[in-house]
Amino acid sequence: MRSIELVLTPDADLAVRAAWDALTLADLPSLGRSGTNDPHVTVVAGDGVTVPDTIATPPVQLRLGGVLLFPAGPGRSVLARAVVVGPALAAFHAAVHRAARGTVDTSAPGAWSPHVTFARRVRDVDLGPAVAALRSAPLPDRLGVAGVRHWDGETKTVTRLA
């Protein structure tokens, strides 16, 4: 899978990593355990997403919404926080979607659910403790954006775009 992602400012990155650490300390699934993941917000994804010739100017900040759960198999969920789609983010997303090829349907305008992921495959019985752990490392209402990157999951290659 390949993707175009928003990367966070150092302060925002540290805040997300603190949330990952809180889950790890509670002995719960966490993206902090992977060792190779960086906090980000995926803008578009798909097997054929290539590095675009040009990239739109990203928003300066992202406003966070509530806790999200995405299905991750029987009795399991992905635990995330929503990113609110305001006018600047919607315009950026639409421009990136137009420039990118080979995206999955969930990357399309109107179907995209931007989010910051904390953990994958959290068991249903652990959702309450996971949310409680996240409360111990609260995120700010807004996260700063430091730039845009292209991620190639097959080759584990990052290309900085903006």
C-alpha atoms as a PDB file:
ATOM      1  CA  MET A   1       0.000   0.000   0.000  1.00  0.00           C
ATOM      2  CA  ARG A   2       1.154   3.516  -0.784  1.00  0.00           C
ATOM      3  CA  SER A   3      -0.178   6.750   0.631  1.00  0.00           C
ATOM      4  CA  ILE A   4       0.152  10.496   0.747  1.00  0.00           C
ATOM      5  CA  GLU A   5       0.179  11.696   4.331  1.00  0.00           C
ATOM      6  CA  LEU A   6       0.283  14.840   6.426  1.00  0.00           C
ATOM      7  CA  VAL A   7       3.152  14.791   8.902  1.00  0.00           C
ATOM      8  CA  LEU A   8       2.978  16.624  12.192  1.00  0.00           C
ATOM      9  CA  THR A   9       5.062  19.315  13.810  1.00  0.00           C
ATOM     10  CA  PRO A  10       7.496  18.144  16.499  1.00  0.00           C
ATOM     11  CA  ASP A  11       5.132  19.186  19.340  1.00  0.00           C
ATOM     12  CA  ALA A  12       2.151  17.429  17.754  1.00  0.00           C
ATOM     13  CA  ASP A  13       4.271  14.360  17.010  1.00  0.00           C
ATOM     14  CA  LEU A  14       5.361  14.178  20.661  1.00  0.00           C
ATOM     15  CA  ALA A  15       1.751  14.506  21.859  1.00  0.00           C
ATOM     16  CA  VAL A  16       0.631  11.571  19.691  1.00  0.00           C
ATOM     17  CA  ARG A  17       3.628   9.519  20.803  1.00  0.00           C
ATOM     18  CA  ALA A  18       2.693  10.235  24.446  1.00  0.00           C
ATOM     19  CA  ALA A  19      -0.756   8.760  23.740  1.00  0.00           C
ATOM     20  CA  TRP A  20       0.867   5.700  22.144  1.00  0.00           C
ATOM     21  CA  ASP A  21       3.119   5.378  25.217  1.00  0.00           C
ATOM     22  CA  ALA A  22       0.112   5.574  27.553  1.00  0.00           C
ATOM     23  CA  LEU A  23      -1.438   2.606  25.747  1.00  0.00           C
ATOM     24  CA  THR A  24       1.844   0.694  25.877  1.00  0.00           C
ATOM     25  CA  LEU A  25       2.189   1.371  29.630  1.00  0.00           C
ATOM     26  CA  ALA A  26      -1.327  -0.007  30.113  1.00  0.00           C
ATOM     27  CA  ASP A  27      -0.205  -3.166  28.259  1.00  0.00           C
ATOM     28  CA  LEU A  28      -2.624  -2.461  25.392  1.00  0.00           C
ATOM     29  CA  PRO A  29      -2.085  -2.441  21.628  1.00  0.00           C
ATOM     30  CA  SER A  30      -0.344   0.725  20.455  1.00  0.00           C
ATOM     31  CA  LEU A  31       1.275   2.010  17.287  1.00  0.00           C
ATOM     32  CA  GLY A  32       4.165   2.973  19.536  1.00  0.00           C
ATOM     33  CA  ARG A  33       5.123  -0.699  19.696  1.00  0.00           C
ATOM     34  CA  SER A  34       5.869  -0.902  15.964  1.00  0.00           C
ATOM     35  CA  GLY A  35       9.102   1.078  16.172  1.00  0.00           C
ATOM     36  CA  THR A  36       8.796   2.130  12.516  1.00  0.00           C
ATOM     37  CA  ASN A  37       5.598   4.180  12.544  1.00  0.00           C
ATOM     38  CA  ASP A  38       5.427   7.970  12.681  1.00  0.00           C
ATOM     39  CA  PRO A  39       2.319   9.954  13.650  1.00  0.00           C
ATOM     40  CA  HIS A  40       0.518  11.121  10.516  1.00  0.00           C
ATOM     41  CA  VAL A  41      -2.852  11.617   8.840  1.00  0.00           C
ATOM     42  CA  THR A  42      -3.385   9.669   5.624  1.00  0.00           C
ATOM     43  CA  VAL A  43      -4.817  11.853   2.848  1.00  0.00           C
ATOM     44  CA  VAL A  44      -5.088   9.230   0.093  1.00  0.00           C
ATOM     45  CA  ALA A  45      -4.028   5.586  -0.120  1.00  0.00           C
ATOM     46  CA  GLY A  46      -3.934   2.770  -2.636  1.00  0.00           C
ATOM     47  CA  ASP A  47      -1.644   0.229  -4.240  1.00  0.00           C
ATOM     48  CA  GLY A  48      -0.956   2.487  -7.213  1.00  0.00           C
ATOM     49  CA  VAL A  49      -0.523   5.881  -5.527  1.00  0.00           C
ATOM     50  CA  THR A  50       2.540   7.490  -7.069  1.00  0.00           C
ATOM     51  CA  VAL A  51       4.577  10.526  -6.092  1.00  0.00           C
ATOM     52  CA  PRO A  52       2.692  13.454  -7.675  1.00  0.00           C
ATOM     53  CA  ASP A  53       4.529  16.039  -9.781  1.00  0.00           C
ATOM     54  CA  THR A  54       3.183  18.848  -7.580  1.00  0.00           C
ATOM     55  CA  ILE A  55       1.394  18.982  -4.262  1.00  0.00           C
ATOM     56  CA  ALA A  56      -1.083  21.510  -2.940  1.00  0.00           C
ATOM     57  CA  THR A  57      -0.217  23.594   0.099  1.00  0.00           C
ATOM     58  CA  PRO A  58      -1.369  21.705   3.202  1.00  0.00           C
ATOM     59  CA  PRO A  59      -3.338  23.278   6.038  1.00  0.00           C
ATOM     60  CA  VAL A  60      -1.251  24.637   8.900  1.00  0.00           C
ATOM     61  CA  GLN A  61      -3.288  22.919  11.627  1.00  0.00           C
ATOM     62  CA  LEU A  62      -5.663  20.018  12.067  1.00  0.00           C
ATOM     63  CA  ARG A  63      -8.562  20.210  14.514  1.00  0.00           C
ATOM     64  CA  LEU A  64      -9.246  16.982  16.376  1.00  0.00           C
ATOM     65  CA  GLY A  65     -12.704  15.518  16.876  1.00  0.00           C
ATOM     66  CA  GLY A  66     -13.903  12.569  18.912  1.00  0.00           C
ATOM     67  CA  VAL A  67     -12.738   9.008  19.328  1.00  0.00           C
ATOM     68  CA  LEU A  68     -13.273   6.768  16.300  1.00  0.00           C
ATOM     69  CA  LEU A  69     -13.459   3.012  15.995  1.00  0.00           C
ATOM     70  CA  PHE A  70     -12.934   1.240  12.682  1.00  0.00           C
ATOM     71  CA  PRO A  71     -13.586  -2.497  12.262  1.00  0.00           C
ATOM     72  CA  ALA A  72     -10.428  -4.605  12.436  1.00  0.00           C
ATOM     73  CA  GLY A  73     -11.743  -8.152  12.380  1.00  0.00           C
ATOM     74  CA  PRO A  74     -14.084 -10.052  14.686  1.00  0.00           C
ATOM     75  CA  GLY A  75     -14.072  -8.532  18.177  1.00  0.00           C
ATOM     76  CA  ARG A  76     -11.359  -6.015  17.298  1.00  0.00           C
ATOM     77  CA  SER A  77     -11.182  -2.326  16.371  1.00  0.00           C
ATOM     78  CA  VAL A  78      -8.776   0.345  15.228  1.00  0.00           C
ATOM     79  CA  LEU A  79      -8.732   3.125  17.850  1.00  0.00           C
ATOM     80  CA  ALA A  80      -8.280   6.667  16.512  1.00  0.00           C
ATOM     81  CA  ARG A  81      -9.244  10.319  16.899  1.00  0.00           C
ATOM     82  CA  ALA A  82     -11.155  12.019  14.113  1.00  0.00           C
ATOM     83  CA  VAL A  83      -9.702  14.989  12.273  1.00  0.00           C
ATOM     84  CA  VAL A  84     -12.387  17.571  11.507  1.00  0.00           C
ATOM     85  CA  VAL A  85     -12.648  18.393   7.802  1.00  0.00           C
ATOM     86  CA  GLY A  86     -12.844  22.175   7.550  1.00  0.00           C
ATOM     87  CA  PRO A  87     -12.628  24.200   4.312  1.00  0.00           C
ATOM     88  CA  ALA A  88      -8.789  24.262   4.119  1.00  0.00           C
ATOM     89  CA  LEU A  89      -8.428  20.524   4.725  1.00  0.00           C
ATOM     90  CA  ALA A  90     -11.261  19.703   2.304  1.00  0.00           C
ATOM     91  CA  ALA A  91      -9.638  21.801  -0.445  1.00  0.00           C
ATOM     92  CA  PHE A  92      -6.227  20.220   0.180  1.00  0.00           C
ATOM     93  CA  HIS A  93      -7.700  16.708   0.152  1.00  0.00           C
ATOM     94  CA  ALA A  94      -9.593  17.344  -3.100  1.00  0.00           C
ATOM     95  CA  ALA A  95      -6.425  18.674  -4.775  1.00  0.00           C
ATOM     96  CA  VAL A  96      -4.345  15.694  -3.633  1.00  0.00           C
ATOM     97  CA  HIS A  97      -7.053  13.258  -4.700  1.00  0.00           C
ATOM     98  CA  ARG A  98      -7.093  14.834  -8.182  1.00  0.00           C
ATOM     99  CA  ALA A  99      -3.287  14.617  -8.440  1.00  0.00           C
ATOM    100  CA  ALA A 100      -3.006  11.055  -7.142  1.00  0.00           C
ATOM    101  CA  ARG A 101      -3.814   7.971  -9.164  1.00  0.00           C
ATOM    102  CA  GLY A 102      -4.667   4.486  -7.963  1.00  0.00           C
ATOM    103  CA  THR A 103      -6.446   5.473  -4.746  1.00  0.00           C
ATOM    104  CA  VAL A 104      -8.914   3.281  -2.868  1.00  0.00           C
ATOM    105  CA  ASP A 105     -12.581   4.286  -2.675  1.00  0.00           C
ATOM    106  CA  THR A 106     -12.275   5.339   0.974  1.00  0.00           C
ATOM    107  CA  SER A 107      -9.789   8.042  -0.102  1.00  0.00           C
ATOM    108  CA  ALA A 108     -12.345   9.825  -2.287  1.00  0.00           C
ATOM    109  CA  PRO A 109     -13.923  13.134  -1.273  1.00  0.00           C
ATOM    110  CA  GLY A 110     -17.146  12.336   0.563  1.00  0.00           C
ATOM    111  CA  ALA A 111     -15.848   8.943   1.718  1.00  0.00           C
ATOM    112  CA  TRP A 112     -12.592   9.957   3.431  1.00  0.00           C
ATOM    113  CA  SER A 113     -12.455   9.806   7.247  1.00  0.00           C
ATOM    114  CA  PRO A 114      -9.237  11.543   8.277  1.00  0.00           C
ATOM    115  CA  HIS A 115      -7.904  10.440  11.626  1.00  0.00           C
ATOM    116  CA  VAL A 116      -4.890   9.969  13.873  1.00  0.00           C
ATOM    117  CA  THR A 117      -4.482   6.293  14.723  1.00  0.00           C
ATOM    118  CA  PHE A 118      -3.471   5.132  18.199  1.00  0.00           C
ATOM    119  CA  ALA A 119      -3.828   1.353  17.959  1.00  0.00           C
ATOM    120  CA  ARG A 120      -4.901  -1.419  15.628  1.00  0.00           C
ATOM    121  CA  ARG A 121      -6.679  -4.638  16.557  1.00  0.00           C
ATOM    122  CA  VAL A 122      -7.812  -3.527  20.035  1.00  0.00           C
ATOM    123  CA  ARG A 123     -10.027  -6.226  21.526  1.00  0.00           C
ATOM    124  CA  ASP A 124     -13.561  -5.105  22.300  1.00  0.00           C
ATOM    125  CA  VAL A 125     -13.033  -5.918  26.002  1.00  0.00           C
ATOM    126  CA  ASP A 126     -10.021  -3.559  26.028  1.00  0.00           C
ATOM    127  CA  LEU A 127     -11.737  -0.520  24.496  1.00  0.00           C
ATOM    128  CA  GLY A 128     -12.754   0.976  27.851  1.00  0.00           C
ATOM    129  CA  PRO A 129      -9.253   0.634  29.354  1.00  0.00           C
ATOM    130  CA  ALA A 130      -7.742   1.973  26.112  1.00  0.00           C
ATOM    131  CA  VAL A 131      -9.871   5.120  26.195  1.00  0.00           C
ATOM    132  CA  ALA A 132      -9.015   5.552  29.880  1.00  0.00           C
ATOM    133  CA  ALA A 133      -5.304   5.240  29.043  1.00  0.00           C
ATOM    134  CA  LEU A 134      -5.660   7.907  26.348  1.00  0.00           C
ATOM    135  CA  ARG A 135      -7.188  10.273  28.907  1.00  0.00           C
ATOM    136  CA  SER A 136      -3.893  10.114  30.813  1.00  0.00           C
ATOM    137  CA  ALA A 137      -2.125  11.677  27.799  1.00  0.00           C
ATOM    138  CA  PRO A 138      -4.634  14.181  26.418  1.00  0.00           C
ATOM    139  CA  LEU A 139      -3.966  15.640  23.004  1.00  0.00           C
ATOM    140  CA  PRO A 140      -4.325  19.341  22.255  1.00  0.00           C
ATOM    141  CA  ASP A 141      -7.438  20.392  20.320  1.00  0.00           C
ATOM    142  CA  ARG A 142      -5.261  21.198  17.312  1.00  0.00           C
ATOM    143  CA  LEU A 143      -2.215  19.519  15.833  1.00  0.00           C
ATOM    144  CA  GLY A 144       0.299  21.414  13.734  1.00  0.00           C
ATOM    145  CA  VAL A 145       1.153  20.186  10.239  1.00  0.00           C
ATOM    146  CA  ALA A 146       4.839  20.110   9.272  1.00  0.00           C
ATOM    147  CA  GLY A 147       4.498  18.852   5.709  1.00  0.00           C
ATOM    148  CA  VAL A 148       3.428  16.139   3.310  1.00  0.00           C
ATOM    149  CA  ARG A 149       5.068  12.829   2.441  1.00  0.00           C
ATOM    150  CA  HIS A 150       4.551   9.860   0.132  1.00  0.00           C
ATOM    151  CA  TRP A 151       4.838   6.505   1.900  1.00  0.00           C
ATOM    152  CA  ASP A 152       5.577   3.322  -0.025  1.00  0.00           C
ATOM    153  CA  GLY A 153       4.726   0.466   2.316  1.00  0.00           C
ATOM    154  CA  GLU A 154       6.209  -2.127  -0.016  1.00  0.00           C
ATOM    155  CA  THR A 155       9.710  -0.628  -0.070  1.00  0.00           C
ATOM    156  CA  LYS A 156       9.359   1.234   3.265  1.00  0.00           C
ATOM    157  CA  THR A 157      10.378   4.433   1.451  1.00  0.00           C
ATOM    158  CA  VAL A 158       9.388   7.947   2.485  1.00  0.00           C
ATOM    159  CA  THR A 159       9.514  10.782  -0.063  1.00  0.00           C
ATOM    160  CA  ARG A 160       9.061  14.263   1.354  1.00  0.00           C
ATOM    161  CA  LEU A 161       6.675  16.309  -0.818  1.00  0.00           C
ATOM    162  CA  ALA A 162       6.227  19.606   1.008  1.00  0.00           C
END
